[in-house]
Protein backbone atom coordinates (compact mmCIF):
# COMPACT_ATOMS: atom_id res chain seq x y z
CA MET A 1 -0.21 -0.11 0.17
CA ALA A 2 0.77 3.53 -0.75
CA GLY A 3 1.91 5.91 2.08
CA GLY A 4 2.53 3.36 4.57
CA ILE A 5 -0.29 2.05 7.57
CA ARG A 6 0.12 3.04 10.75
CA GLU A 7 0.25 0.57 13.27
CA ARG A 8 -0.99 2.50 16.25
CA LEU A 9 -3.96 3.51 16.75
CA GLY A 10 -4.89 6.86 18.74
CA ASP A 11 -2.60 10.29 18.76
CA ASP A 12 -0.15 9.32 21.70
CA VAL A 13 3.13 10.36 20.91
CA GLU A 14 5.58 8.42 22.70
CA GLU A 15 8.20 10.04 24.55
CA VAL A 16 11.93 9.99 23.70
CA HIS A 17 14.26 9.96 27.08
CA GLU A 18 17.09 11.44 25.51
CA ILE A 19 19.12 15.00 25.39
CA ASN A 20 19.57 16.58 22.11
CA VAL A 21 23.29 17.60 22.71
CA THR A 22 23.52 19.63 19.13
CA PRO A 23 22.30 22.82 19.80
CA PHE A 24 24.68 22.67 23.05
CA ILE A 25 27.36 21.37 20.77
CA ASP A 26 26.93 24.63 18.24
CA VAL A 27 27.18 27.08 20.92
CA MET A 28 30.20 25.66 22.16
CA LEU A 29 31.62 25.75 18.46
CA VAL A 30 30.54 29.41 18.30
CA LEU A 31 32.03 30.77 21.37
CA LEU A 32 35.00 28.49 21.07
CA ILE A 33 35.72 30.75 17.19
CA ILE A 34 35.06 33.85 19.22
CA PHE A 35 37.55 33.33 21.62
CA MET A 36 39.91 31.81 19.01
CA VAL A 37 39.90 35.20 17.43
CA ALA A 38 39.29 37.89 20.17
CA ALA A 39 42.11 35.97 21.90
CA PRO A 40 44.81 37.24 19.53
CA LEU A 41 43.29 40.79 19.51
CA ALA A 42 43.70 41.03 23.20
CA THR A 43 47.68 40.80 23.42
CA VAL A 44 49.58 44.28 23.68
CA ASP A 45 52.15 44.30 21.64
CA VAL A 46 53.16 47.94 21.34
CA ASN A 47 56.71 49.50 22.20
CA VAL A 48 56.75 51.89 25.44
CA ASP A 49 58.54 54.28 26.93
CA LEU A 50 57.40 53.86 30.47
CA PRO A 51 57.33 57.45 32.44
CA ALA A 52 59.34 57.94 35.72
CA SER A 53 57.56 57.43 39.31
CA THR A 54 56.46 60.37 41.14
CA ALA A 55 54.79 57.96 43.64
CA LYS A 56 55.71 58.87 47.31
CA PRO A 57 59.03 57.84 48.33
CA VAL A 58 58.69 54.67 51.35
CA GLU A 59 60.05 55.33 54.33
CA ARG A 60 63.21 53.28 54.89
CA PRO A 61 64.46 50.93 57.35
CA ASP A 62 67.02 51.65 59.84
CA LYS A 63 69.56 49.04 57.84
CA PRO A 64 68.41 48.61 54.32
CA LEU A 65 70.35 46.31 52.74
CA TYR A 66 71.22 47.99 48.61
CA LEU A 67 71.85 45.12 46.02
CA THR A 68 73.73 47.66 42.80
CA VAL A 69 73.95 46.53 39.64
CA LYS A 70 76.96 49.49 38.29
CA ASP A 71 77.18 50.32 34.84
CA ASP A 72 80.20 47.08 34.15
CA LEU A 73 77.16 44.90 35.11
CA SER A 74 79.62 44.20 38.54
CA LEU A 75 77.25 43.81 41.53
CA SER A 76 77.55 45.35 44.97
CA VAL A 77 75.97 44.27 48.38
CA GLY A 78 75.88 47.26 50.16
CA ASN A 79 79.41 48.59 49.50
CA ASP A 80 81.30 45.21 48.87
CA THR A 81 81.46 43.87 45.12
CA VAL A 82 80.35 40.41 45.13
CA ALA A 83 80.69 37.85 41.86
CA ARG A 84 76.92 36.85 40.25
CA GLU A 85 78.08 33.44 41.81
CA GLY A 86 78.51 34.75 45.21
CA LEU A 87 75.44 36.93 45.06
CA GLN A 88 72.94 34.17 47.40
CA GLY A 89 75.81 33.73 50.07
CA ALA A 90 76.90 37.45 50.41
CA LEU A 91 73.11 38.13 50.57
CA ASP A 92 73.25 35.72 53.35
CA THR A 93 75.79 36.93 55.61
CA PHE A 94 74.10 40.37 55.11
CA THR A 95 70.92 39.38 55.78
CA GLU A 96 71.89 36.42 58.47
CA ASN A 97 69.64 33.82 56.37
CA ASN A 98 66.46 35.77 57.19
CA ARG A 99 64.91 35.40 53.19
CA ASP A 100 61.80 37.76 54.54
CA ALA A 101 63.77 40.62 54.32
CA ARG A 102 63.71 42.99 51.73
CA ILE A 103 66.43 43.45 49.64
CA PHE A 104 66.52 47.00 47.88
CA LEU A 105 68.06 46.92 44.23
CA ARG A 106 69.30 50.17 43.05
CA ALA A 107 70.41 49.74 39.15
CA ASP A 108 72.69 52.27 36.93
CA LYS A 109 70.54 54.13 34.34
CA SER A 110 72.57 52.66 31.17
CA VAL A 111 71.76 49.18 32.68
CA ASP A 112 70.17 47.27 30.21
CA TYR A 113 66.66 45.76 31.17
CA GLY A 114 67.16 42.09 30.73
CA GLU A 115 70.61 42.37 32.65
CA LEU A 116 68.36 44.20 35.70
CA MET A 117 66.01 41.15 35.40
CA GLU A 118 68.77 38.68 35.49
CA VAL A 119 69.74 39.92 38.72
CA MET A 120 66.29 39.73 40.13
CA ASN A 121 66.46 36.31 38.81
CA LEU A 122 69.32 35.63 40.93
CA LEU A 123 67.17 36.87 44.09
CA ARG A 124 64.45 34.92 43.20
CA ALA A 125 66.52 31.35 42.67
CA ALA A 126 68.82 32.54 45.86
CA GLY A 127 64.88 32.62 47.94
CA TYR A 128 64.87 36.49 47.89
CA LEU A 129 61.29 37.36 47.15
CA LYS A 130 60.50 40.84 48.83
CA VAL A 131 62.93 43.26 46.15
CA ALA A 132 62.23 47.07 46.13
CA LEU A 133 63.63 49.12 42.99
CA VAL A 134 65.07 51.97 43.86
CA GLY A 135 64.99 55.46 41.76
CA LEU A 136 65.70 58.84 42.29
CA GLU A 137 62.50 61.47 42.58
CA THR A 138 61.42 63.42 39.89
CA ALA A 139 61.71 67.17 40.07
CA ASP A 140 57.86 68.01 39.32
CA MET A 141 56.57 66.00 42.02
CA PRO A 142 53.91 67.80 44.02
CA ASP A 143 55.54 67.69 47.47
CA ALA A 144 58.96 68.52 46.05
CA ALA A 145 58.95 72.01 47.20
CA SER A 146 58.75 70.95 50.61
CA GLU A 147 61.26 67.65 50.49
CA PRO A 148 65.05 67.72 48.65
CA VAL A 149 65.53 65.54 46.09
CA GLY A 150 68.46 63.74 46.74
CA GLU A 151 69.37 59.97 47.64
CA GLY A 152 66.12 58.26 46.15
CA SER A 153 62.99 57.24 46.82
CA ILE A 154 61.71 53.18 47.39
CA ALA A 155 59.14 51.75 45.15
CA PRO A 156 57.90 48.38 47.01
């Protein structure tokens, strides 16, 4: 017979006990494509000339420990010149093995940023994670008239 014969009589529709996940997968694929397109746009790849800091200087501790990177890339802990290999031992001596001591890192203006990061990596490898960068105060600070510009400011 043409057209087929219904074996069941009546208008009862059989319930399907399965979840249709096709719309869910479609939405997830659309979101994946959106994030794949948007992620590269969110990265910043712009050369920036960073400005000088006008932050208010933080009070120095009684006996600060300065680690200095000179223009010839030699290191000094306090006033003593130290080899890079002996940096951890010198810091342990000065801080009496106190890894929570804050190290004030200052560098000559001519020191390359990569070299400064290498010194910071040496500090991290030695276990000293509290590092403060030291820089000169700028003359255009609001309180510059009341405070002398001199030794430097400390940025935690």
